[in-house]
Amino acid sequence: MHYEDTAINESDVPLAEARVFQHVVKTYASEVNKLNAVWHEFAVDDLAFKPHPRSSSVQDIIEHELLSERRFFGEFLGLPEVPANEVLPEERTPYAFASRMVELSRPRLKFLAEQDQDWWLTVVSFFDVQRERSWILWRRILHTAHHRAQLGVYLRLLNKSVPSIYGPTADVHWDGADPTSSVAAASRK
């Protein structure tokens, strides 16, 4: 994908020691770029928005993402992480949140790339169960995708542009895009 503001370029993604896990390192870098694109669509005035009284606000979701990533990587995967009280940026703006997220992700990418296959396959504690580290990282990526989708809905409700994540959107198009929105497109092999 090509993002208007790519936080982590393909050339910045480190080569995994265990090449079989290169796709995981690349996927995490891609998630950072996707979050960056979504968070940059919000304005400061949007941070308090929530579509329902029982919903989380935009700021609640963003702060949760930053803090829960720190917990996943530090507690469950065993990466060296900054203290939790240093995760959130002093300035509470979408740009500052996104910048902090990218800043925190760079050493994680390096650390993940340096691990061997035994590290990835080691079973560790994850809340109240035992799981392989590779499983935990995929769970982290799914968690992030869930909250990114929430914020995509919020963007639409705020009548803001929804950035492209996997392909064209109602707001983003390009020549050569081939969305699967018909039986004919789905029939291709």
N, C-alpha and C. Protein backbone atom coordinates (compact mmCIF):
# COMPACT_ATOMS: atom_id res chain seq x y z
N MET A 1 0.84 -1.18 0.00
CA MET A 1 0.00 0.00 0.00
C MET A 1 0.88 1.24 0.00
N HIS A 2 0.34 2.28 -0.56
CA HIS A 2 1.02 3.57 -0.53
C HIS A 2 0.20 4.51 0.32
N TYR A 3 0.81 5.04 1.37
CA TYR A 3 0.14 5.96 2.27
C TYR A 3 0.63 7.36 1.99
N GLU A 4 -0.25 8.33 2.23
CA GLU A 4 0.12 9.73 2.02
C GLU A 4 1.33 10.09 2.88
N ASP A 5 1.38 9.56 4.09
CA ASP A 5 2.49 9.80 5.00
C ASP A 5 2.95 8.45 5.53
N THR A 6 3.94 7.84 4.88
CA THR A 6 4.44 6.54 5.31
C THR A 6 5.41 6.74 6.47
N ALA A 7 5.07 6.16 7.60
CA ALA A 7 5.89 6.31 8.80
C ALA A 7 7.11 5.41 8.74
N ILE A 8 6.91 4.17 8.30
CA ILE A 8 8.01 3.21 8.21
C ILE A 8 8.06 2.71 6.78
N ASN A 9 9.10 3.12 6.07
CA ASN A 9 9.27 2.69 4.69
C ASN A 9 9.70 1.23 4.62
N GLU A 10 9.40 0.60 3.51
CA GLU A 10 9.78 -0.80 3.29
C GLU A 10 11.27 -1.00 3.56
N SER A 11 12.08 -0.05 3.13
CA SER A 11 13.53 -0.17 3.32
C SER A 11 13.95 -0.05 4.79
N ASP A 12 13.06 0.45 5.65
CA ASP A 12 13.35 0.58 7.08
C ASP A 12 12.97 -0.66 7.88
N VAL A 13 12.31 -1.61 7.24
CA VAL A 13 11.89 -2.83 7.94
C VAL A 13 13.10 -3.76 8.01
N PRO A 14 13.54 -4.11 9.22
CA PRO A 14 14.74 -4.94 9.34
C PRO A 14 14.50 -6.37 8.87
N LEU A 15 15.57 -7.00 8.46
CA LEU A 15 15.53 -8.40 8.02
C LEU A 15 15.48 -9.30 9.24
N ALA A 16 14.54 -10.22 9.27
CA ALA A 16 14.38 -11.11 10.41
C ALA A 16 15.48 -12.16 10.44
N GLU A 17 16.01 -12.37 11.64
CA GLU A 17 17.00 -13.44 11.87
C GLU A 17 16.41 -14.78 11.45
N ALA A 18 15.18 -15.03 11.88
CA ALA A 18 14.45 -16.24 11.48
C ALA A 18 13.58 -15.85 10.29
N ARG A 19 14.11 -16.08 9.09
CA ARG A 19 13.44 -15.59 7.87
C ARG A 19 11.99 -16.04 7.77
N VAL A 20 11.65 -17.17 8.36
CA VAL A 20 10.28 -17.65 8.31
C VAL A 20 9.33 -16.68 9.03
N PHE A 21 9.88 -15.80 9.87
CA PHE A 21 9.07 -14.81 10.59
C PHE A 21 9.17 -13.41 10.00
N GLN A 22 9.77 -13.28 8.80
CA GLN A 22 9.87 -11.97 8.16
C GLN A 22 8.49 -11.36 7.92
N HIS A 23 7.53 -12.20 7.57
CA HIS A 23 6.18 -11.70 7.32
C HIS A 23 5.58 -11.07 8.57
N VAL A 24 5.94 -11.54 9.74
CA VAL A 24 5.41 -10.98 10.98
C VAL A 24 6.00 -9.60 11.21
N VAL A 25 7.30 -9.45 10.99
CA VAL A 25 7.96 -8.16 11.16
C VAL A 25 7.37 -7.16 10.16
N LYS A 26 7.20 -7.59 8.91
CA LYS A 26 6.61 -6.70 7.89
C LYS A 26 5.17 -6.34 8.23
N THR A 27 4.43 -7.29 8.76
CA THR A 27 3.03 -7.03 9.10
C THR A 27 2.94 -6.01 10.23
N TYR A 28 3.80 -6.13 11.23
CA TYR A 28 3.78 -5.15 12.31
C TYR A 28 4.11 -3.75 11.77
N ALA A 29 5.11 -3.65 10.91
CA ALA A 29 5.45 -2.36 10.30
C ALA A 29 4.26 -1.81 9.51
N SER A 30 3.57 -2.68 8.79
CA SER A 30 2.40 -2.27 8.02
C SER A 30 1.29 -1.76 8.94
N GLU A 31 1.10 -2.41 10.07
CA GLU A 31 0.08 -1.95 11.03
C GLU A 31 0.42 -0.57 11.57
N VAL A 32 1.69 -0.31 11.80
CA VAL A 32 2.10 1.02 12.25
C VAL A 32 1.71 2.06 11.21
N ASN A 33 1.98 1.76 9.94
CA ASN A 33 1.61 2.69 8.86
C ASN A 33 0.10 2.88 8.77
N LYS A 34 -0.66 1.83 8.95
CA LYS A 34 -2.12 1.93 8.88
C LYS A 34 -2.66 2.78 10.03
N LEU A 35 -2.17 2.52 11.24
CA LEU A 35 -2.61 3.33 12.38
C LEU A 35 -2.25 4.79 12.18
N ASN A 36 -1.04 5.02 11.72
CA ASN A 36 -0.57 6.38 11.46
C ASN A 36 -1.53 7.10 10.49
N ALA A 37 -1.90 6.41 9.43
CA ALA A 37 -2.80 7.00 8.43
C ALA A 37 -4.17 7.33 9.03
N VAL A 38 -4.71 6.42 9.83
CA VAL A 38 -6.03 6.64 10.43
C VAL A 38 -5.97 7.75 11.47
N TRP A 39 -4.99 7.71 12.36
CA TRP A 39 -4.92 8.71 13.42
C TRP A 39 -4.72 10.11 12.87
N HIS A 40 -4.01 10.22 11.75
CA HIS A 40 -3.77 11.55 11.15
C HIS A 40 -5.03 12.16 10.55
N GLU A 41 -6.07 11.40 10.34
CA GLU A 41 -7.32 11.93 9.79
C GLU A 41 -8.13 12.71 10.84
N PHE A 42 -7.83 12.50 12.10
CA PHE A 42 -8.57 13.18 13.17
C PHE A 42 -7.97 14.54 13.47
N ALA A 43 -8.82 15.46 13.89
CA ALA A 43 -8.39 16.78 14.38
C ALA A 43 -8.47 16.76 15.90
N VAL A 44 -7.84 17.71 16.53
CA VAL A 44 -7.87 17.81 18.00
C VAL A 44 -9.31 17.85 18.49
N ASP A 45 -10.16 18.58 17.80
CA ASP A 45 -11.56 18.70 18.22
C ASP A 45 -12.33 17.38 18.13
N ASP A 46 -11.78 16.40 17.41
CA ASP A 46 -12.45 15.10 17.27
C ASP A 46 -12.14 14.15 18.42
N LEU A 47 -11.12 14.44 19.20
CA LEU A 47 -10.66 13.49 20.21
C LEU A 47 -11.73 13.12 21.23
N ALA A 48 -12.65 14.01 21.53
CA ALA A 48 -13.70 13.72 22.51
C ALA A 48 -14.90 13.00 21.88
N PHE A 49 -14.92 12.87 20.56
CA PHE A 49 -16.08 12.26 19.88
C PHE A 49 -16.24 10.80 20.26
N LYS A 50 -17.51 10.45 20.52
CA LYS A 50 -17.90 9.05 20.66
C LYS A 50 -19.34 8.95 20.17
N PRO A 51 -19.65 7.89 19.41
CA PRO A 51 -20.95 7.82 18.76
C PRO A 51 -22.10 7.42 19.69
N HIS A 52 -21.80 7.02 20.90
CA HIS A 52 -22.82 6.57 21.84
C HIS A 52 -22.28 6.80 23.25
N PRO A 53 -23.14 7.07 24.21
CA PRO A 53 -22.64 7.31 25.58
C PRO A 53 -21.81 6.16 26.15
N ARG A 54 -22.08 4.94 25.73
CA ARG A 54 -21.32 3.79 26.24
C ARG A 54 -20.10 3.47 25.38
N SER A 55 -19.87 4.22 24.33
CA SER A 55 -18.70 4.02 23.47
C SER A 55 -17.49 4.73 24.06
N SER A 56 -16.33 4.30 23.64
CA SER A 56 -15.09 5.00 23.99
C SER A 56 -14.92 6.18 23.04
N SER A 57 -14.27 7.23 23.52
CA SER A 57 -13.98 8.37 22.66
C SER A 57 -12.79 8.04 21.76
N VAL A 58 -12.57 8.87 20.76
CA VAL A 58 -11.40 8.72 19.89
C VAL A 58 -10.14 8.70 20.75
N GLN A 59 -10.03 9.64 21.66
CA GLN A 59 -8.83 9.71 22.51
C GLN A 59 -8.71 8.48 23.41
N ASP A 60 -9.83 8.00 23.95
CA ASP A 60 -9.79 6.79 24.78
C ASP A 60 -9.21 5.61 23.98
N ILE A 61 -9.64 5.45 22.74
CA ILE A 61 -9.18 4.34 21.92
C ILE A 61 -7.70 4.48 21.59
N ILE A 62 -7.28 5.68 21.22
CA ILE A 62 -5.88 5.90 20.88
C ILE A 62 -4.98 5.66 22.10
N GLU A 63 -5.37 6.20 23.25
CA GLU A 63 -4.56 6.00 24.46
C GLU A 63 -4.53 4.52 24.84
N HIS A 64 -5.67 3.84 24.71
CA HIS A 64 -5.71 2.40 24.98
C HIS A 64 -4.75 1.65 24.06
N GLU A 65 -4.74 2.01 22.79
CA GLU A 65 -3.83 1.36 21.84
C GLU A 65 -2.38 1.52 22.27
N LEU A 66 -1.99 2.73 22.60
CA LEU A 66 -0.60 2.97 23.02
C LEU A 66 -0.25 2.19 24.29
N LEU A 67 -1.12 2.25 25.28
CA LEU A 67 -0.85 1.57 26.55
C LEU A 67 -0.92 0.05 26.42
N SER A 68 -1.88 -0.45 25.67
CA SER A 68 -1.99 -1.91 25.56
C SER A 68 -0.87 -2.49 24.72
N GLU A 69 -0.37 -1.74 23.72
CA GLU A 69 0.81 -2.21 22.99
C GLU A 69 1.98 -2.34 23.94
N ARG A 70 2.18 -1.37 24.80
CA ARG A 70 3.27 -1.43 25.76
C ARG A 70 3.13 -2.69 26.62
N ARG A 71 1.91 -2.99 27.06
CA ARG A 71 1.71 -4.17 27.89
C ARG A 71 1.95 -5.45 27.11
N PHE A 72 1.39 -5.56 25.91
CA PHE A 72 1.59 -6.76 25.10
C PHE A 72 3.08 -7.02 24.88
N PHE A 73 3.79 -5.98 24.43
CA PHE A 73 5.20 -6.17 24.10
C PHE A 73 6.07 -6.36 25.34
N GLY A 74 5.78 -5.64 26.41
CA GLY A 74 6.59 -5.73 27.61
C GLY A 74 6.27 -6.95 28.46
N GLU A 75 5.01 -7.06 28.90
CA GLU A 75 4.63 -8.14 29.82
C GLU A 75 4.55 -9.49 29.13
N PHE A 76 3.92 -9.56 27.99
CA PHE A 76 3.66 -10.86 27.38
C PHE A 76 4.78 -11.35 26.46
N LEU A 77 5.40 -10.44 25.71
CA LEU A 77 6.45 -10.85 24.78
C LEU A 77 7.86 -10.65 25.35
N GLY A 78 7.98 -9.87 26.41
CA GLY A 78 9.27 -9.71 27.06
C GLY A 78 10.22 -8.72 26.41
N LEU A 79 9.69 -7.78 25.63
CA LEU A 79 10.55 -6.76 25.02
C LEU A 79 10.89 -5.69 26.04
N PRO A 80 12.05 -5.05 25.88
CA PRO A 80 12.35 -3.90 26.73
C PRO A 80 11.43 -2.75 26.31
N GLU A 81 10.71 -2.21 27.23
CA GLU A 81 9.74 -1.14 26.94
C GLU A 81 9.97 0.03 27.88
N VAL A 82 9.56 1.21 27.46
CA VAL A 82 9.62 2.37 28.34
C VAL A 82 8.63 2.15 29.48
N PRO A 83 8.84 2.80 30.62
CA PRO A 83 7.86 2.70 31.71
C PRO A 83 6.48 3.16 31.23
N ALA A 84 5.45 2.53 31.76
CA ALA A 84 4.08 2.83 31.32
C ALA A 84 3.74 4.32 31.46
N ASN A 85 4.27 4.97 32.48
CA ASN A 85 3.95 6.38 32.67
C ASN A 85 4.66 7.29 31.66
N GLU A 86 5.48 6.71 30.79
CA GLU A 86 6.16 7.48 29.75
C GLU A 86 5.63 7.18 28.34
N VAL A 87 4.60 6.37 28.25
CA VAL A 87 4.07 5.95 26.94
C VAL A 87 3.32 7.08 26.25
N LEU A 88 2.43 7.74 26.94
CA LEU A 88 1.59 8.77 26.32
C LEU A 88 2.38 10.06 26.13
N PRO A 89 2.16 10.73 25.01
CA PRO A 89 2.86 12.00 24.79
C PRO A 89 2.30 13.10 25.69
N GLU A 90 3.13 14.09 25.97
CA GLU A 90 2.65 15.22 26.79
C GLU A 90 1.53 15.96 26.07
N GLU A 91 1.74 16.24 24.79
CA GLU A 91 0.74 16.92 23.98
C GLU A 91 -0.29 15.90 23.51
N ARG A 92 -1.55 16.17 23.74
CA ARG A 92 -2.62 15.24 23.38
C ARG A 92 -3.27 15.68 22.07
N THR A 93 -2.58 15.42 20.97
CA THR A 93 -3.10 15.71 19.63
C THR A 93 -2.99 14.45 18.80
N PRO A 94 -3.81 14.31 17.77
CA PRO A 94 -3.66 13.13 16.91
C PRO A 94 -2.24 12.97 16.36
N TYR A 95 -1.63 14.08 15.95
CA TYR A 95 -0.28 14.02 15.40
C TYR A 95 0.71 13.55 16.47
N ALA A 96 0.60 14.07 17.69
CA ALA A 96 1.51 13.68 18.77
C ALA A 96 1.31 12.21 19.14
N PHE A 97 0.06 11.75 19.18
CA PHE A 97 -0.20 10.35 19.47
C PHE A 97 0.42 9.46 18.39
N ALA A 98 0.21 9.83 17.13
CA ALA A 98 0.75 9.03 16.02
C ALA A 98 2.28 9.03 16.04
N SER A 99 2.87 10.18 16.29
CA SER A 99 4.33 10.26 16.35
C SER A 99 4.89 9.39 17.46
N ARG A 100 4.21 9.39 18.60
CA ARG A 100 4.67 8.56 19.73
C ARG A 100 4.53 7.08 19.39
N MET A 101 3.44 6.70 18.75
CA MET A 101 3.23 5.31 18.37
C MET A 101 4.34 4.85 17.43
N VAL A 102 4.70 5.66 16.45
CA VAL A 102 5.76 5.31 15.51
C VAL A 102 7.10 5.23 16.26
N GLU A 103 7.35 6.19 17.12
CA GLU A 103 8.60 6.20 17.89
C GLU A 103 8.75 4.93 18.73
N LEU A 104 7.69 4.50 19.38
CA LEU A 104 7.73 3.30 20.21
C LEU A 104 7.86 2.03 19.37
N SER A 105 7.37 2.06 18.14
CA SER A 105 7.38 0.85 17.31
C SER A 105 8.75 0.54 16.71
N ARG A 106 9.56 1.54 16.47
CA ARG A 106 10.85 1.31 15.81
C ARG A 106 11.76 0.35 16.58
N PRO A 107 11.99 0.55 17.89
CA PRO A 107 12.82 -0.44 18.60
C PRO A 107 12.16 -1.82 18.69
N ARG A 108 10.84 -1.86 18.70
CA ARG A 108 10.15 -3.16 18.71
C ARG A 108 10.44 -3.92 17.43
N LEU A 109 10.38 -3.21 16.30
CA LEU A 109 10.68 -3.86 15.02
C LEU A 109 12.08 -4.46 15.02
N LYS A 110 13.03 -3.67 15.49
CA LYS A 110 14.42 -4.13 15.55
C LYS A 110 14.53 -5.36 16.44
N PHE A 111 13.94 -5.30 17.63
CA PHE A 111 13.99 -6.41 18.56
C PHE A 111 13.36 -7.66 17.96
N LEU A 112 12.17 -7.52 17.38
CA LEU A 112 11.47 -8.68 16.79
C LEU A 112 12.31 -9.31 15.68
N ALA A 113 12.93 -8.48 14.86
CA ALA A 113 13.74 -9.00 13.75
C ALA A 113 14.96 -9.77 14.24
N GLU A 114 15.47 -9.45 15.40
CA GLU A 114 16.68 -10.09 15.92
C GLU A 114 16.42 -11.45 16.58
N GLN A 115 15.16 -11.82 16.75
CA GLN A 115 14.86 -13.06 17.46
C GLN A 115 14.93 -14.28 16.56
N ASP A 116 15.39 -15.40 17.15
CA ASP A 116 15.47 -16.64 16.39
C ASP A 116 14.15 -17.41 16.49
N GLN A 117 14.07 -18.48 15.77
CA GLN A 117 12.83 -19.26 15.71
C GLN A 117 12.44 -19.80 17.09
N ASP A 118 13.41 -20.22 17.89
CA ASP A 118 13.09 -20.72 19.23
C ASP A 118 12.39 -19.65 20.07
N TRP A 119 12.83 -18.40 19.97
CA TRP A 119 12.19 -17.33 20.72
C TRP A 119 10.72 -17.20 20.30
N TRP A 120 10.46 -17.19 19.00
CA TRP A 120 9.10 -17.03 18.49
C TRP A 120 8.20 -18.18 18.93
N LEU A 121 8.75 -19.38 19.05
CA LEU A 121 7.95 -20.56 19.37
C LEU A 121 7.87 -20.86 20.86
N THR A 122 8.57 -20.08 21.68
CA THR A 122 8.53 -20.28 23.12
C THR A 122 7.14 -19.94 23.66
N VAL A 123 6.63 -20.81 24.52
CA VAL A 123 5.33 -20.61 25.14
C VAL A 123 5.54 -19.78 26.41
N VAL A 124 4.75 -18.70 26.52
CA VAL A 124 4.83 -17.80 27.67
C VAL A 124 3.41 -17.49 28.16
N SER A 125 3.33 -16.82 29.29
CA SER A 125 2.02 -16.45 29.84
C SER A 125 1.40 -15.32 29.03
N PHE A 126 0.11 -15.46 28.79
CA PHE A 126 -0.68 -14.43 28.13
C PHE A 126 -1.99 -14.34 28.91
N PHE A 127 -2.12 -13.31 29.72
CA PHE A 127 -3.22 -13.22 30.68
C PHE A 127 -3.26 -14.51 31.48
N ASP A 128 -4.33 -15.30 31.36
CA ASP A 128 -4.46 -16.52 32.18
C ASP A 128 -4.22 -17.81 31.39
N VAL A 129 -3.61 -17.70 30.21
CA VAL A 129 -3.32 -18.88 29.40
C VAL A 129 -1.84 -18.88 28.99
N GLN A 130 -1.40 -19.96 28.38
CA GLN A 130 -0.04 -20.08 27.87
C GLN A 130 -0.12 -20.13 26.35
N ARG A 131 0.69 -19.30 25.66
CA ARG A 131 0.68 -19.23 24.21
C ARG A 131 2.09 -18.99 23.68
N GLU A 132 2.31 -19.41 22.42
CA GLU A 132 3.59 -19.11 21.76
C GLU A 132 3.67 -17.61 21.51
N ARG A 133 4.91 -17.09 21.53
CA ARG A 133 5.09 -15.66 21.28
C ARG A 133 4.55 -15.26 19.90
N SER A 134 4.71 -16.12 18.91
CA SER A 134 4.20 -15.78 17.58
C SER A 134 2.68 -15.61 17.63
N TRP A 135 1.99 -16.44 18.38
CA TRP A 135 0.54 -16.34 18.53
C TRP A 135 0.17 -15.03 19.21
N ILE A 136 0.94 -14.64 20.25
CA ILE A 136 0.66 -13.41 20.98
C ILE A 136 0.81 -12.20 20.07
N LEU A 137 1.85 -12.19 19.23
CA LEU A 137 2.02 -11.04 18.33
C LEU A 137 0.87 -10.96 17.33
N TRP A 138 0.44 -12.11 16.80
CA TRP A 138 -0.71 -12.07 15.88
C TRP A 138 -1.96 -11.58 16.61
N ARG A 139 -2.11 -11.95 17.86
CA ARG A 139 -3.24 -11.46 18.65
C ARG A 139 -3.17 -9.94 18.80
N ARG A 140 -1.93 -9.42 18.99
CA ARG A 140 -1.73 -7.98 19.10
C ARG A 140 -2.15 -7.28 17.81
N ILE A 141 -1.75 -7.85 16.69
CA ILE A 141 -2.10 -7.26 15.39
C ILE A 141 -3.61 -7.25 15.20
N LEU A 142 -4.28 -8.33 15.58
CA LEU A 142 -5.74 -8.38 15.47
C LEU A 142 -6.40 -7.37 16.40
N HIS A 143 -5.84 -7.20 17.57
CA HIS A 143 -6.36 -6.21 18.53
C HIS A 143 -6.27 -4.81 17.92
N THR A 144 -5.13 -4.51 17.33
CA THR A 144 -4.94 -3.21 16.69
C THR A 144 -5.90 -3.03 15.53
N ALA A 145 -6.09 -4.07 14.72
CA ALA A 145 -7.01 -3.98 13.58
C ALA A 145 -8.44 -3.70 14.06
N HIS A 146 -8.82 -4.31 15.15
CA HIS A 146 -10.16 -4.07 15.73
C HIS A 146 -10.34 -2.59 16.06
N HIS A 147 -9.39 -2.01 16.78
CA HIS A 147 -9.52 -0.60 17.16
C HIS A 147 -9.35 0.33 15.97
N ARG A 148 -8.53 -0.05 14.99
CA ARG A 148 -8.39 0.75 13.78
C ARG A 148 -9.72 0.79 13.03
N ALA A 149 -10.42 -0.34 13.00
CA ALA A 149 -11.73 -0.38 12.34
C ALA A 149 -12.75 0.48 13.09
N GLN A 150 -12.70 0.45 14.42
CA GLN A 150 -13.58 1.33 15.20
C GLN A 150 -13.37 2.78 14.78
N LEU A 151 -12.11 3.17 14.71
CA LEU A 151 -11.82 4.57 14.38
C LEU A 151 -12.18 4.89 12.94
N GLY A 152 -12.13 3.89 12.05
CA GLY A 152 -12.59 4.11 10.68
C GLY A 152 -14.07 4.44 10.64
N VAL A 153 -14.85 3.76 11.46
CA VAL A 153 -16.28 4.06 11.56
C VAL A 153 -16.48 5.47 12.14
N TYR A 154 -15.71 5.81 13.15
CA TYR A 154 -15.80 7.15 13.73
C TYR A 154 -15.49 8.22 12.67
N LEU A 155 -14.47 7.97 11.85
CA LEU A 155 -14.15 8.93 10.79
C LEU A 155 -15.34 9.14 9.87
N ARG A 156 -15.99 8.05 9.48
CA ARG A 156 -17.14 8.16 8.59
C ARG A 156 -18.26 8.93 9.27
N LEU A 157 -18.51 8.63 10.55
CA LEU A 157 -19.57 9.34 11.28
C LEU A 157 -19.26 10.82 11.43
N LEU A 158 -17.98 11.17 11.47
CA LEU A 158 -17.56 12.57 11.54
C LEU A 158 -17.49 13.21 10.15
N ASN A 159 -17.87 12.45 9.13
CA ASN A 159 -17.82 12.91 7.74
C ASN A 159 -16.40 13.28 7.32
N LYS A 160 -15.45 12.48 7.76
CA LYS A 160 -14.05 12.68 7.39
C LYS A 160 -13.63 11.57 6.43
N SER A 161 -12.54 11.80 5.76
CA SER A 161 -12.00 10.83 4.82
C SER A 161 -11.50 9.59 5.56
N VAL A 162 -11.83 8.42 5.02
CA VAL A 162 -11.33 7.16 5.55
C VAL A 162 -10.18 6.72 4.65
N PRO A 163 -8.97 6.62 5.22
CA PRO A 163 -7.82 6.28 4.38
C PRO A 163 -7.87 4.84 3.88
N SER A 164 -7.16 4.60 2.82
CA SER A 164 -7.05 3.25 2.28
C SER A 164 -6.20 2.41 3.23
N ILE A 165 -6.69 1.25 3.53
CA ILE A 165 -5.93 0.32 4.37
C ILE A 165 -5.50 -0.88 3.55
N TYR A 166 -6.42 -1.48 2.81
CA TYR A 166 -6.10 -2.65 1.98
C TYR A 166 -6.40 -2.42 0.51
N GLY A 167 -7.11 -1.37 0.22
CA GLY A 167 -7.49 -1.11 -1.15
C GLY A 167 -8.30 0.17 -1.21
N PRO A 168 -8.95 0.43 -2.32
CA PRO A 168 -9.70 1.68 -2.48
C PRO A 168 -10.80 1.80 -1.43
N THR A 169 -11.12 3.03 -1.09
CA THR A 169 -12.25 3.32 -0.22
C THR A 169 -13.17 4.28 -0.98
N ALA A 170 -14.25 4.68 -0.35
CA ALA A 170 -15.12 5.67 -0.98
C ALA A 170 -14.39 7.00 -1.16
N ASP A 171 -13.28 7.17 -0.44
CA ASP A 171 -12.54 8.43 -0.47
C ASP A 171 -11.22 8.35 -1.23
N VAL A 172 -10.68 7.16 -1.40
CA VAL A 172 -9.35 7.00 -1.98
C VAL A 172 -9.41 6.01 -3.15
N HIS A 173 -9.00 6.48 -4.32
CA HIS A 173 -9.00 5.64 -5.53
C HIS A 173 -7.66 5.80 -6.24
N TRP A 174 -7.32 4.85 -7.08
CA TRP A 174 -6.13 4.99 -7.92
C TRP A 174 -6.28 4.09 -9.14
N ASP A 175 -5.58 4.45 -10.18
CA ASP A 175 -5.60 3.64 -11.40
C ASP A 175 -5.01 2.27 -11.10
N GLY A 176 -5.64 1.25 -11.63
CA GLY A 176 -5.15 -0.11 -11.44
C GLY A 176 -5.73 -0.81 -10.22
N ALA A 177 -6.46 -0.09 -9.37
CA ALA A 177 -7.08 -0.73 -8.21
C ALA A 177 -8.14 -1.70 -8.71
N ASP A 178 -8.26 -2.82 -8.07
CA ASP A 178 -9.18 -3.86 -8.51
C ASP A 178 -9.96 -4.40 -7.31
N PRO A 179 -10.88 -3.61 -6.76
CA PRO A 179 -11.62 -4.09 -5.59
C PRO A 179 -12.52 -5.27 -5.95
N THR A 180 -12.70 -6.16 -5.00
CA THR A 180 -13.56 -7.33 -5.20
C THR A 180 -14.93 -6.99 -4.67
N SER A 181 -15.77 -6.44 -5.53
CA SER A 181 -17.11 -6.08 -5.12
C SER A 181 -18.16 -6.63 -6.07
N SER A 182 -17.76 -7.65 -6.83
CA SER A 182 -18.69 -8.29 -7.75
C SER A 182 -18.37 -9.79 -7.84
N VAL A 183 -19.34 -10.55 -8.29
CA VAL A 183 -19.13 -11.99 -8.49
C VAL A 183 -18.03 -12.20 -9.53
N ALA A 184 -18.00 -11.36 -10.56
CA ALA A 184 -16.98 -11.49 -11.61
C ALA A 184 -15.58 -11.31 -11.03
N ALA A 185 -15.41 -10.31 -10.17
CA ALA A 185 -14.09 -10.10 -9.57
C ALA A 185 -13.71 -11.26 -8.65
N ALA A 186 -14.68 -11.76 -7.90
CA ALA A 186 -14.42 -12.87 -6.99
C ALA A 186 -14.15 -14.17 -7.73
N SER A 187 -14.57 -14.26 -8.99
CA SER A 187 -14.39 -15.48 -9.78
C SER A 187 -12.97 -15.61 -10.36
N ARG A 188 -12.20 -14.55 -10.31
CA ARG A 188 -10.85 -14.60 -10.88
C ARG A 188 -9.98 -15.57 -10.11
N LYS A 189 -9.09 -16.24 -10.89
CA LYS A 189 -8.15 -17.19 -10.26
C LYS A 189 -6.75 -16.74 -10.49
